[in-house]
Amino acid sequence: MQKFTSLSGVAAPLPLINIDTDMIIPKQYLKTIKRTGLGTGLFSELRYDEQGGENPEFVLNKPAYRQAEILVTGDNFGCGSSREHAPWALLDFGIRCVIAPSFADIFYNNCFKNGVLPIALPQEQIDLLMEDAEKGANARITVDLETQTIERPNGEKIAFDVDAFRRHCLLNGLDDIGLTLQHGSEIDAFEAKMNGDQPWVLQKRA
């Protein structure tokens, strides 16, 4: 998993509440278990018209936001079904940080496991960042996970909280598999001991 330390870039404003995972990545894109290629389906019902052409009014189709890496959005982001394809699609598009007043629990957890940083802030701070985001390429936002701050274009800093364990995992690029592999030598030692003490166990597993 890619590490997340600090990110500076354009933030896209999406002032909608209750954006569910079907809106983030519609069900027709769930046929794959690959984490790549899903960026084209991100918000597809908002990004494209019935003929498959781009909707010029949707924020991610506007020139200023095509390379956005940060999304500022509304309350209860990621609600609905628990599809892990939602953070996959965000990441594949290039969005590595989502800032909202609140998130659905499963989506929130899935973000951390896939290298996306979800930040929950009070509505009044979201409003300030939404104003910044609406300025497009003229206003860059810096998200620093090490210091747990967001720097606005005017230099003002907003503090945010992240669970210490999740912060550690993102800073070091550790997903569940990476965490397990950190104990590879202990696992090898345990299996070697088991093979000596109870060889029939490993033979049965094989």
N, C-alpha and C. Protein backbone atom coordinates (compact mmCIF):
# COMPACT_ATOMS: atom_id res chain seq x y z
N MET A 1 0.84 -1.19 0.00
CA MET A 1 0.00 0.00 0.00
C MET A 1 0.88 1.25 0.00
N GLN A 2 0.51 2.24 -0.79
CA GLN A 2 1.28 3.47 -0.87
C GLN A 2 1.20 4.26 0.44
N LYS A 3 2.34 4.79 0.87
CA LYS A 3 2.37 5.58 2.09
C LYS A 3 1.63 6.90 1.89
N PHE A 4 1.09 7.42 2.98
CA PHE A 4 0.49 8.76 2.98
C PHE A 4 1.19 9.55 4.07
N THR A 5 1.95 10.57 3.66
CA THR A 5 2.62 11.43 4.64
C THR A 5 2.08 12.85 4.52
N SER A 6 2.32 13.47 3.37
CA SER A 6 1.82 14.83 3.13
C SER A 6 1.35 14.94 1.69
N LEU A 7 0.29 15.68 1.49
CA LEU A 7 -0.30 15.81 0.15
C LEU A 7 -0.69 17.27 -0.06
N SER A 8 -0.20 17.85 -1.14
CA SER A 8 -0.54 19.23 -1.48
C SER A 8 -1.12 19.25 -2.89
N GLY A 9 -2.32 19.77 -3.03
CA GLY A 9 -2.93 19.79 -4.34
C GLY A 9 -4.26 20.51 -4.37
N VAL A 10 -4.89 20.43 -5.52
CA VAL A 10 -6.20 21.04 -5.71
C VAL A 10 -7.26 20.15 -5.08
N ALA A 11 -8.21 20.78 -4.39
CA ALA A 11 -9.32 20.05 -3.79
C ALA A 11 -10.58 20.31 -4.61
N ALA A 12 -11.31 19.25 -4.90
CA ALA A 12 -12.56 19.37 -5.65
C ALA A 12 -13.73 19.52 -4.68
N PRO A 13 -14.60 20.51 -4.89
CA PRO A 13 -15.77 20.68 -4.03
C PRO A 13 -16.95 19.85 -4.52
N LEU A 14 -17.52 19.05 -3.63
CA LEU A 14 -18.70 18.24 -3.96
C LEU A 14 -19.70 18.39 -2.81
N PRO A 15 -20.43 19.50 -2.77
CA PRO A 15 -21.29 19.82 -1.63
C PRO A 15 -22.62 19.06 -1.62
N LEU A 16 -22.52 17.74 -1.56
CA LEU A 16 -23.71 16.89 -1.50
C LEU A 16 -23.65 16.07 -0.22
N ILE A 17 -24.80 15.80 0.37
CA ILE A 17 -24.85 14.94 1.56
C ILE A 17 -25.31 13.54 1.17
N ASN A 18 -25.02 12.58 2.04
CA ASN A 18 -25.47 11.19 1.86
C ASN A 18 -25.04 10.58 0.53
N ILE A 19 -23.82 10.85 0.11
CA ILE A 19 -23.30 10.21 -1.10
C ILE A 19 -23.01 8.76 -0.76
N ASP A 20 -23.76 7.85 -1.36
CA ASP A 20 -23.59 6.44 -1.01
C ASP A 20 -22.58 5.76 -1.93
N THR A 21 -22.25 4.53 -1.59
CA THR A 21 -21.22 3.83 -2.35
C THR A 21 -21.67 3.49 -3.77
N ASP A 22 -22.98 3.40 -4.00
CA ASP A 22 -23.47 3.15 -5.36
C ASP A 22 -23.29 4.39 -6.22
N MET A 23 -23.35 5.58 -5.62
CA MET A 23 -23.08 6.80 -6.36
C MET A 23 -21.58 6.93 -6.63
N ILE A 24 -20.77 6.50 -5.65
CA ILE A 24 -19.32 6.56 -5.82
C ILE A 24 -18.88 5.61 -6.94
N ILE A 25 -19.35 4.37 -6.91
CA ILE A 25 -19.01 3.40 -7.96
C ILE A 25 -20.23 2.49 -8.18
N PRO A 26 -21.01 2.73 -9.23
CA PRO A 26 -22.25 1.97 -9.48
C PRO A 26 -22.01 0.47 -9.61
N LYS A 27 -23.07 -0.26 -9.38
CA LYS A 27 -23.00 -1.73 -9.27
C LYS A 27 -22.45 -2.42 -10.50
N GLN A 28 -22.62 -1.84 -11.69
CA GLN A 28 -22.14 -2.51 -12.91
C GLN A 28 -20.61 -2.61 -12.97
N TYR A 29 -19.93 -1.87 -12.10
CA TYR A 29 -18.47 -1.91 -12.09
C TYR A 29 -17.93 -2.91 -11.06
N LEU A 30 -18.82 -3.64 -10.41
CA LEU A 30 -18.39 -4.53 -9.33
C LEU A 30 -18.02 -5.93 -9.80
N LYS A 31 -17.96 -6.15 -11.10
CA LYS A 31 -17.68 -7.48 -11.63
C LYS A 31 -16.20 -7.86 -11.48
N THR A 32 -15.36 -6.87 -11.22
CA THR A 32 -13.93 -7.13 -11.11
C THR A 32 -13.48 -7.09 -9.65
N ILE A 33 -12.41 -7.84 -9.36
CA ILE A 33 -11.80 -7.75 -8.03
C ILE A 33 -10.44 -7.06 -8.13
N LYS A 34 -10.14 -6.53 -9.32
CA LYS A 34 -8.91 -5.77 -9.51
C LYS A 34 -9.11 -4.36 -8.97
N ARG A 35 -8.06 -3.80 -8.41
CA ARG A 35 -8.15 -2.46 -7.83
C ARG A 35 -7.87 -1.37 -8.84
N THR A 36 -7.46 -1.75 -10.04
CA THR A 36 -7.14 -0.76 -11.07
C THR A 36 -8.25 -0.71 -12.12
N GLY A 37 -8.35 0.43 -12.79
CA GLY A 37 -9.32 0.58 -13.87
C GLY A 37 -10.67 1.09 -13.42
N LEU A 38 -10.87 1.23 -12.11
CA LEU A 38 -12.17 1.65 -11.60
C LEU A 38 -12.35 3.16 -11.59
N GLY A 39 -11.25 3.89 -11.82
CA GLY A 39 -11.35 5.35 -11.81
C GLY A 39 -12.30 5.89 -12.87
N THR A 40 -12.40 5.18 -13.99
CA THR A 40 -13.31 5.64 -15.05
C THR A 40 -14.77 5.55 -14.62
N GLY A 41 -15.06 4.68 -13.65
CA GLY A 41 -16.43 4.52 -13.19
C GLY A 41 -16.78 5.38 -11.99
N LEU A 42 -15.79 6.10 -11.44
CA LEU A 42 -16.04 6.93 -10.27
C LEU A 42 -17.11 7.98 -10.57
N PHE A 43 -18.16 8.00 -9.76
CA PHE A 43 -19.27 8.95 -9.92
C PHE A 43 -19.83 8.94 -11.34
N SER A 44 -19.84 7.77 -11.99
CA SER A 44 -20.17 7.72 -13.42
C SER A 44 -21.56 8.26 -13.74
N GLU A 45 -22.51 8.08 -12.83
CA GLU A 45 -23.86 8.57 -13.11
C GLU A 45 -23.94 10.09 -13.06
N LEU A 46 -22.96 10.71 -12.43
CA LEU A 46 -22.88 12.17 -12.40
C LEU A 46 -21.92 12.69 -13.47
N ARG A 47 -20.89 11.92 -13.77
CA ARG A 47 -19.86 12.36 -14.72
C ARG A 47 -20.27 12.24 -16.18
N TYR A 48 -21.13 11.26 -16.49
CA TYR A 48 -21.45 10.98 -17.89
C TYR A 48 -22.94 11.12 -18.17
N ASP A 49 -23.28 11.46 -19.42
CA ASP A 49 -24.68 11.51 -19.83
C ASP A 49 -25.11 10.14 -20.33
N GLU A 50 -26.34 10.02 -20.80
CA GLU A 50 -26.89 8.72 -21.23
C GLU A 50 -26.15 8.14 -22.43
N GLN A 51 -25.50 8.99 -23.21
CA GLN A 51 -24.75 8.51 -24.37
C GLN A 51 -23.29 8.19 -24.03
N GLY A 52 -22.91 8.40 -22.77
CA GLY A 52 -21.55 8.11 -22.36
C GLY A 52 -20.60 9.29 -22.48
N GLY A 53 -21.12 10.43 -22.90
CA GLY A 53 -20.28 11.62 -22.99
C GLY A 53 -20.14 12.29 -21.63
N GLU A 54 -19.15 13.12 -21.48
CA GLU A 54 -18.92 13.80 -20.22
C GLU A 54 -19.97 14.87 -19.95
N ASN A 55 -20.38 14.95 -18.70
CA ASN A 55 -21.24 16.03 -18.25
C ASN A 55 -20.34 17.21 -17.87
N PRO A 56 -20.35 18.29 -18.65
CA PRO A 56 -19.41 19.39 -18.39
C PRO A 56 -19.67 20.11 -17.07
N GLU A 57 -20.85 19.91 -16.47
CA GLU A 57 -21.19 20.59 -15.23
C GLU A 57 -20.66 19.86 -13.99
N PHE A 58 -20.30 18.58 -14.16
CA PHE A 58 -19.82 17.84 -12.99
C PHE A 58 -18.40 18.27 -12.65
N VAL A 59 -18.15 18.43 -11.36
CA VAL A 59 -16.90 19.07 -10.91
C VAL A 59 -15.65 18.37 -11.43
N LEU A 60 -15.60 17.05 -11.43
CA LEU A 60 -14.38 16.35 -11.83
C LEU A 60 -14.14 16.40 -13.34
N ASN A 61 -15.11 16.88 -14.11
CA ASN A 61 -14.94 17.06 -15.55
C ASN A 61 -14.45 18.46 -15.90
N LYS A 62 -14.44 19.35 -14.93
CA LYS A 62 -13.99 20.72 -15.19
C LYS A 62 -12.47 20.75 -15.19
N PRO A 63 -11.87 21.54 -16.09
CA PRO A 63 -10.41 21.53 -16.24
C PRO A 63 -9.64 21.72 -14.93
N ALA A 64 -10.14 22.55 -14.05
CA ALA A 64 -9.42 22.85 -12.81
C ALA A 64 -9.34 21.65 -11.87
N TYR A 65 -10.25 20.68 -12.05
CA TYR A 65 -10.36 19.60 -11.07
C TYR A 65 -10.06 18.21 -11.63
N ARG A 66 -9.64 18.13 -12.87
CA ARG A 66 -9.39 16.82 -13.47
C ARG A 66 -8.25 16.07 -12.78
N GLN A 67 -7.34 16.81 -12.17
CA GLN A 67 -6.22 16.18 -11.46
C GLN A 67 -6.36 16.32 -9.95
N ALA A 68 -7.58 16.54 -9.48
CA ALA A 68 -7.80 16.73 -8.03
C ALA A 68 -7.39 15.48 -7.26
N GLU A 69 -6.71 15.70 -6.13
CA GLU A 69 -6.30 14.60 -5.26
C GLU A 69 -7.02 14.63 -3.91
N ILE A 70 -7.78 15.71 -3.70
CA ILE A 70 -8.51 15.90 -2.44
C ILE A 70 -9.95 16.19 -2.78
N LEU A 71 -10.86 15.62 -2.01
CA LEU A 71 -12.29 15.84 -2.22
C LEU A 71 -12.89 16.42 -0.94
N VAL A 72 -13.56 17.57 -1.06
CA VAL A 72 -14.26 18.18 0.07
C VAL A 72 -15.75 17.99 -0.18
N THR A 73 -16.42 17.33 0.73
CA THR A 73 -17.80 16.93 0.45
C THR A 73 -18.69 17.01 1.69
N GLY A 74 -19.92 16.48 1.58
CA GLY A 74 -20.91 16.65 2.62
C GLY A 74 -21.02 15.50 3.60
N ASP A 75 -21.98 15.63 4.49
CA ASP A 75 -22.18 14.72 5.61
C ASP A 75 -22.53 13.30 5.15
N ASN A 76 -22.09 12.31 5.95
CA ASN A 76 -22.45 10.91 5.76
C ASN A 76 -21.92 10.35 4.43
N PHE A 77 -20.70 10.70 4.09
CA PHE A 77 -20.10 10.24 2.85
C PHE A 77 -19.79 8.74 2.94
N GLY A 78 -20.10 8.01 1.87
CA GLY A 78 -19.80 6.58 1.82
C GLY A 78 -20.82 5.69 2.47
N CYS A 79 -22.04 6.20 2.65
CA CYS A 79 -23.10 5.37 3.24
C CYS A 79 -23.56 4.33 2.22
N GLY A 80 -24.49 3.47 2.61
CA GLY A 80 -24.98 2.44 1.70
C GLY A 80 -24.25 1.13 1.86
N SER A 81 -24.12 0.38 0.78
CA SER A 81 -23.51 -0.95 0.84
C SER A 81 -22.03 -0.84 1.15
N SER A 82 -21.45 -1.96 1.59
CA SER A 82 -20.08 -1.96 2.12
C SER A 82 -19.02 -2.26 1.07
N ARG A 83 -19.28 -1.94 -0.19
CA ARG A 83 -18.36 -2.31 -1.27
C ARG A 83 -17.00 -1.64 -1.13
N GLU A 84 -15.95 -2.47 -1.15
CA GLU A 84 -14.58 -1.95 -1.06
C GLU A 84 -14.16 -1.29 -2.37
N HIS A 85 -14.95 -1.50 -3.42
CA HIS A 85 -14.65 -0.86 -4.70
C HIS A 85 -14.73 0.66 -4.60
N ALA A 86 -15.44 1.19 -3.61
CA ALA A 86 -15.59 2.65 -3.50
C ALA A 86 -14.25 3.33 -3.24
N PRO A 87 -13.49 2.95 -2.21
CA PRO A 87 -12.16 3.57 -2.06
C PRO A 87 -11.20 3.18 -3.18
N TRP A 88 -11.37 1.99 -3.76
CA TRP A 88 -10.53 1.62 -4.91
C TRP A 88 -10.73 2.60 -6.05
N ALA A 89 -11.99 2.95 -6.33
CA ALA A 89 -12.30 3.86 -7.44
C ALA A 89 -11.74 5.26 -7.17
N LEU A 90 -11.89 5.73 -5.94
CA LEU A 90 -11.35 7.04 -5.59
C LEU A 90 -9.83 7.06 -5.80
N LEU A 91 -9.17 6.03 -5.30
CA LEU A 91 -7.71 5.96 -5.40
C LEU A 91 -7.26 5.83 -6.85
N ASP A 92 -7.97 5.04 -7.64
CA ASP A 92 -7.58 4.84 -9.03
C ASP A 92 -7.76 6.13 -9.83
N PHE A 93 -8.73 6.94 -9.47
CA PHE A 93 -8.92 8.23 -10.12
C PHE A 93 -7.79 9.20 -9.74
N GLY A 94 -7.28 9.03 -8.51
CA GLY A 94 -6.21 9.90 -8.03
C GLY A 94 -6.52 10.63 -6.74
N ILE A 95 -7.72 10.39 -6.19
CA ILE A 95 -8.10 11.05 -4.95
C ILE A 95 -7.57 10.25 -3.77
N ARG A 96 -6.73 10.89 -2.95
CA ARG A 96 -6.10 10.22 -1.82
C ARG A 96 -6.60 10.72 -0.48
N CYS A 97 -7.43 11.76 -0.49
CA CYS A 97 -7.95 12.31 0.77
C CYS A 97 -9.37 12.81 0.56
N VAL A 98 -10.26 12.41 1.45
CA VAL A 98 -11.65 12.88 1.42
C VAL A 98 -11.93 13.59 2.75
N ILE A 99 -12.44 14.81 2.67
CA ILE A 99 -12.73 15.61 3.85
C ILE A 99 -14.23 15.85 3.92
N ALA A 100 -14.84 15.46 5.03
CA ALA A 100 -16.29 15.56 5.17
C ALA A 100 -16.66 15.71 6.65
N PRO A 101 -17.89 16.14 6.95
CA PRO A 101 -18.30 16.22 8.35
C PRO A 101 -18.40 14.85 9.02
N SER A 102 -18.79 13.83 8.25
CA SER A 102 -18.88 12.47 8.80
C SER A 102 -18.85 11.46 7.67
N PHE A 103 -18.54 10.21 8.05
CA PHE A 103 -18.44 9.11 7.09
C PHE A 103 -19.21 7.91 7.62
N ALA A 104 -19.68 7.07 6.69
CA ALA A 104 -20.21 5.76 7.09
C ALA A 104 -19.06 4.92 7.61
N ASP A 105 -19.30 4.16 8.67
CA ASP A 105 -18.23 3.44 9.37
C ASP A 105 -17.45 2.49 8.48
N ILE A 106 -18.16 1.65 7.70
CA ILE A 106 -17.45 0.65 6.89
C ILE A 106 -16.60 1.32 5.82
N PHE A 107 -17.15 2.32 5.16
CA PHE A 107 -16.38 3.05 4.15
C PHE A 107 -15.15 3.69 4.79
N TYR A 108 -15.34 4.29 5.96
CA TYR A 108 -14.24 4.95 6.68
C TYR A 108 -13.11 3.96 6.94
N ASN A 109 -13.46 2.78 7.43
CA ASN A 109 -12.44 1.75 7.71
C ASN A 109 -11.76 1.27 6.44
N ASN A 110 -12.55 1.09 5.37
CA ASN A 110 -11.99 0.61 4.10
C ASN A 110 -10.99 1.61 3.51
N CYS A 111 -11.23 2.89 3.73
CA CYS A 111 -10.30 3.90 3.21
C CYS A 111 -8.90 3.69 3.78
N PHE A 112 -8.80 3.53 5.08
CA PHE A 112 -7.50 3.36 5.71
C PHE A 112 -6.79 2.10 5.22
N LYS A 113 -7.55 1.07 4.89
CA LYS A 113 -6.95 -0.18 4.44
C LYS A 113 -6.49 -0.11 2.98
N ASN A 114 -6.83 0.99 2.30
CA ASN A 114 -6.49 1.11 0.88
C ASN A 114 -5.71 2.37 0.54
N GLY A 115 -5.18 3.04 1.56
CA GLY A 115 -4.30 4.18 1.30
C GLY A 115 -4.99 5.51 1.09
N VAL A 116 -6.28 5.59 1.42
CA VAL A 116 -7.03 6.84 1.31
C VAL A 116 -7.24 7.39 2.72
N LEU A 117 -6.98 8.69 2.90
CA LEU A 117 -7.15 9.31 4.21
C LEU A 117 -8.50 10.02 4.30
N PRO A 118 -9.43 9.53 5.13
CA PRO A 118 -10.69 10.23 5.36
C PRO A 118 -10.56 11.13 6.60
N ILE A 119 -10.93 12.39 6.46
CA ILE A 119 -10.82 13.34 7.56
C ILE A 119 -12.20 13.89 7.89
N ALA A 120 -12.62 13.74 9.14
CA ALA A 120 -13.90 14.27 9.60
C ALA A 120 -13.66 15.58 10.35
N LEU A 121 -14.38 16.63 9.96
CA LEU A 121 -14.24 17.94 10.57
C LEU A 121 -15.61 18.55 10.85
N PRO A 122 -15.70 19.49 11.77
CA PRO A 122 -16.96 20.20 12.01
C PRO A 122 -17.41 20.94 10.75
N GLN A 123 -18.72 21.13 10.62
CA GLN A 123 -19.28 21.73 9.41
C GLN A 123 -18.70 23.10 9.12
N GLU A 124 -18.45 23.92 10.16
CA GLU A 124 -17.93 25.26 9.91
C GLU A 124 -16.54 25.23 9.27
N GLN A 125 -15.74 24.22 9.59
CA GLN A 125 -14.44 24.09 8.94
C GLN A 125 -14.57 23.53 7.53
N ILE A 126 -15.52 22.63 7.35
CA ILE A 126 -15.81 22.13 6.00
C ILE A 126 -16.22 23.29 5.10
N ASP A 127 -17.03 24.20 5.61
CA ASP A 127 -17.48 25.34 4.81
C ASP A 127 -16.30 26.19 4.34
N LEU A 128 -15.31 26.39 5.22
CA LEU A 128 -14.12 27.16 4.84
C LEU A 128 -13.34 26.46 3.73
N LEU A 129 -13.16 25.14 3.90
CA LEU A 129 -12.42 24.38 2.89
C LEU A 129 -13.19 24.28 1.59
N MET A 130 -14.52 24.25 1.67
CA MET A 130 -15.34 24.22 0.47
C MET A 130 -15.16 25.53 -0.31
N GLU A 131 -15.10 26.64 0.40
CA GLU A 131 -14.85 27.93 -0.25
C GLU A 131 -13.49 27.93 -0.94
N ASP A 132 -12.49 27.38 -0.26
CA ASP A 132 -11.16 27.28 -0.87
C ASP A 132 -11.20 26.42 -2.12
N ALA A 133 -11.87 25.28 -2.02
CA ALA A 133 -11.92 24.34 -3.14
C ALA A 133 -12.60 24.96 -4.36
N GLU A 134 -13.59 25.79 -4.12
CA GLU A 134 -14.32 26.41 -5.23
C GLU A 134 -13.47 27.39 -6.02
N LYS A 135 -12.30 27.74 -5.50
CA LYS A 135 -11.39 28.64 -6.22
C LYS A 135 -10.53 27.89 -7.23
N GLY A 136 -10.64 26.58 -7.23
CA GLY A 136 -9.95 25.77 -8.23
C GLY A 136 -8.44 25.79 -8.10
N ALA A 137 -7.76 25.87 -9.24
CA ALA A 137 -6.31 25.77 -9.26
C ALA A 137 -5.62 26.94 -8.57
N ASN A 138 -6.38 27.99 -8.28
CA ASN A 138 -5.80 29.16 -7.59
C ASN A 138 -5.65 28.93 -6.09
N ALA A 139 -6.16 27.82 -5.60
CA ALA A 139 -6.12 27.57 -4.16
C ALA A 139 -5.74 26.12 -3.89
N ARG A 140 -4.53 25.90 -3.43
CA ARG A 140 -4.06 24.56 -3.12
C ARG A 140 -4.13 24.32 -1.62
N ILE A 141 -4.50 23.11 -1.25
CA ILE A 141 -4.63 22.71 0.15
C ILE A 141 -3.55 21.67 0.45
N THR A 142 -2.94 21.78 1.61
CA THR A 142 -1.92 20.80 2.01
C THR A 142 -2.41 20.01 3.21
N VAL A 143 -2.44 18.70 3.06
CA VAL A 143 -2.84 17.80 4.15
C VAL A 143 -1.59 17.09 4.64
N ASP A 144 -1.26 17.29 5.90
CA ASP A 144 -0.06 16.69 6.49
C ASP A 144 -0.49 15.71 7.59
N LEU A 145 -0.30 14.43 7.32
CA LEU A 145 -0.72 13.42 8.29
C LEU A 145 0.23 13.36 9.48
N GLU A 146 1.48 13.66 9.27
CA GLU A 146 2.44 13.61 10.38
C GLU A 146 2.08 14.63 11.46
N THR A 147 1.73 15.86 11.04
CA THR A 147 1.37 16.90 12.01
C THR A 147 -0.14 16.96 12.26
N GLN A 148 -0.90 16.19 11.47
CA GLN A 148 -2.36 16.16 11.55
C GLN A 148 -2.95 17.57 11.39
N THR A 149 -2.52 18.22 10.30
CA THR A 149 -3.03 19.55 10.00
C THR A 149 -3.38 19.67 8.52
N ILE A 150 -4.32 20.56 8.24
CA ILE A 150 -4.66 20.95 6.87
C ILE A 150 -4.31 22.43 6.75
N GLU A 151 -3.47 22.76 5.79
CA GLU A 151 -3.12 24.16 5.57
C GLU A 151 -3.93 24.73 4.43
N ARG A 152 -4.67 25.77 4.71
CA ARG A 152 -5.48 26.45 3.71
C ARG A 152 -4.60 27.34 2.83
N PRO A 153 -5.09 27.78 1.69
CA PRO A 153 -4.28 28.64 0.81
C PRO A 153 -3.80 29.92 1.48
N ASN A 154 -4.55 30.42 2.47
CA ASN A 154 -4.15 31.65 3.15
C ASN A 154 -3.15 31.41 4.28
N GLY A 155 -2.73 30.15 4.46
CA GLY A 155 -1.75 29.83 5.48
C GLY A 155 -2.34 29.37 6.80
N GLU A 156 -3.65 29.55 6.97
CA GLU A 156 -4.30 29.09 8.21
C GLU A 156 -4.26 27.57 8.28
N LYS A 157 -4.04 27.04 9.48
CA LYS A 157 -3.98 25.60 9.65
C LYS A 157 -5.17 25.10 10.47
N ILE A 158 -5.73 23.99 10.01
CA ILE A 158 -6.85 23.33 10.69
C ILE A 158 -6.35 21.98 11.19
N ALA A 159 -6.52 21.72 12.47
CA ALA A 159 -6.08 20.45 13.04
C ALA A 159 -7.16 19.39 12.87
N PHE A 160 -6.73 18.14 12.69
CA PHE A 160 -7.67 17.03 12.63
C PHE A 160 -7.13 15.86 13.43
N ASP A 161 -8.01 14.97 13.84
CA ASP A 161 -7.62 13.81 14.64
C ASP A 161 -7.75 12.53 13.83
N VAL A 162 -6.78 11.66 13.99
CA VAL A 162 -6.81 10.33 13.39
C VAL A 162 -6.34 9.35 14.45
N ASP A 163 -7.00 8.21 14.55
CA ASP A 163 -6.58 7.17 15.47
C ASP A 163 -5.09 6.85 15.27
N ALA A 164 -4.37 6.73 16.38
CA ALA A 164 -2.91 6.58 16.32
C ALA A 164 -2.48 5.35 15.51
N PHE A 165 -3.21 4.24 15.67
CA PHE A 165 -2.85 3.02 14.94
C PHE A 165 -3.07 3.20 13.44
N ARG A 166 -4.21 3.78 13.06
CA ARG A 166 -4.49 4.01 11.64
C ARG A 166 -3.49 5.00 11.04
N ARG A 167 -3.14 6.01 11.81
CA ARG A 167 -2.14 6.97 11.35
C ARG A 167 -0.81 6.27 11.09
N HIS A 168 -0.39 5.40 12.01
CA HIS A 168 0.85 4.65 11.85
C HIS A 168 0.81 3.81 10.57
N CYS A 169 -0.30 3.15 10.32
CA CYS A 169 -0.41 2.29 9.14
C CYS A 169 -0.30 3.10 7.85
N LEU A 170 -1.00 4.23 7.78
CA LEU A 170 -0.94 5.06 6.58
C LEU A 170 0.45 5.65 6.37
N LEU A 171 1.04 6.16 7.42
CA LEU A 171 2.37 6.76 7.31
C LEU A 171 3.41 5.76 6.81
N ASN A 172 3.20 4.48 7.14
CA ASN A 172 4.16 3.45 6.78
C ASN A 172 3.68 2.56 5.63
N GLY A 173 2.52 2.86 5.06
CA GLY A 173 2.03 2.08 3.93
C GLY A 173 1.70 0.65 4.28
N LEU A 174 1.08 0.45 5.45
CA LEU A 174 0.81 -0.91 5.92
C LEU A 174 -0.68 -1.23 5.84
N ASP A 175 -1.04 -2.17 4.99
CA ASP A 175 -2.39 -2.72 5.02
C ASP A 175 -2.37 -3.95 5.92
N ASP A 176 -3.47 -4.71 5.95
CA ASP A 176 -3.54 -5.88 6.84
C ASP A 176 -2.44 -6.90 6.54
N ILE A 177 -2.16 -7.10 5.24
CA ILE A 177 -1.12 -8.06 4.86
C ILE A 177 0.25 -7.54 5.28
N GLY A 178 0.48 -6.25 5.07
CA GLY A 178 1.74 -5.65 5.47
C GLY A 178 1.98 -5.75 6.96
N LEU A 179 0.93 -5.56 7.74
CA LEU A 179 1.04 -5.69 9.19
C LEU A 179 1.43 -7.11 9.59
N THR A 180 0.82 -8.08 8.92
CA THR A 180 1.13 -9.49 9.21
C THR A 180 2.57 -9.81 8.85
N LEU A 181 3.03 -9.32 7.69
CA LEU A 181 4.38 -9.63 7.24
C LEU A 181 5.45 -9.01 8.12
N GLN A 182 5.09 -8.00 8.91
CA GLN A 182 6.04 -7.44 9.86
C GLN A 182 6.48 -8.49 10.89
N HIS A 183 5.64 -9.50 11.08
CA HIS A 183 5.93 -10.56 12.06
C HIS A 183 6.37 -11.85 11.36
N GLY A 184 6.91 -11.69 10.14
CA GLY A 184 7.29 -12.86 9.35
C GLY A 184 8.27 -13.78 10.06
N SER A 185 9.28 -13.21 10.73
CA SER A 185 10.28 -14.06 11.40
C SER A 185 9.65 -14.83 12.55
N GLU A 186 8.73 -14.19 13.30
CA GLU A 186 8.07 -14.90 14.40
C GLU A 186 7.15 -16.01 13.88
N ILE A 187 6.50 -15.74 12.74
CA ILE A 187 5.62 -16.76 12.15
C ILE A 187 6.45 -17.95 11.69
N ASP A 188 7.58 -17.67 11.04
CA ASP A 188 8.47 -18.75 10.58
C ASP A 188 8.98 -19.57 11.76
N ALA A 189 9.34 -18.87 12.84
CA ALA A 189 9.86 -19.57 14.02
C ALA A 189 8.79 -20.43 14.65
N PHE A 190 7.56 -19.92 14.69
CA PHE A 190 6.45 -20.69 15.27
C PHE A 190 6.18 -21.94 14.44
N GLU A 191 6.17 -21.80 13.11
CA GLU A 191 5.89 -22.95 12.26
C GLU A 191 7.02 -23.99 12.34
N ALA A 192 8.26 -23.50 12.46
CA ALA A 192 9.38 -24.44 12.60
C ALA A 192 9.26 -25.22 13.91
N LYS A 193 8.86 -24.52 14.97
CA LYS A 193 8.68 -25.19 16.26
C LYS A 193 7.53 -26.20 16.19
N MET A 194 6.43 -25.78 15.54
CA MET A 194 5.29 -26.69 15.40
C MET A 194 5.68 -27.91 14.59
N ASN A 195 6.50 -27.71 13.57
CA ASN A 195 6.91 -28.83 12.72
C ASN A 195 7.77 -29.82 13.51
N GLY A 196 8.50 -29.28 14.48
CA GLY A 196 9.31 -30.17 15.31
C GLY A 196 8.51 -30.84 16.40
N ASP A 197 7.60 -30.09 17.03
CA ASP A 197 6.82 -30.62 18.16
C ASP A 197 5.64 -31.46 17.71
N GLN A 198 4.96 -30.99 16.66
CA GLN A 198 3.74 -31.67 16.20
C GLN A 198 3.75 -31.74 14.67
N PRO A 199 4.62 -32.51 14.08
CA PRO A 199 4.78 -32.52 12.62
C PRO A 199 3.53 -32.94 11.88
N TRP A 200 2.68 -33.72 12.52
CA TRP A 200 1.46 -34.19 11.87
C TRP A 200 0.49 -33.03 11.56
N VAL A 201 0.58 -31.93 12.31
CA VAL A 201 -0.31 -30.80 12.11
C VAL A 201 -0.03 -30.14 10.76
N LEU A 202 1.24 -29.79 10.51
CA LEU A 202 1.61 -29.16 9.26
C LEU A 202 1.44 -30.11 8.08
N GLN A 203 1.70 -31.41 8.32
CA GLN A 203 1.53 -32.38 7.23
C GLN A 203 0.06 -32.46 6.83
N LYS A 204 -0.83 -32.38 7.83
CA LYS A 204 -2.27 -32.43 7.53
C LYS A 204 -2.70 -31.20 6.77
N ARG A 205 -2.15 -30.04 7.15
CA ARG A 205 -2.49 -28.80 6.45
C ARG A 205 -2.00 -28.82 5.02
N ALA A 206 -0.84 -29.43 4.80
CA ALA A 206 -0.28 -29.50 3.45
C ALA A 206 -1.13 -30.37 2.55
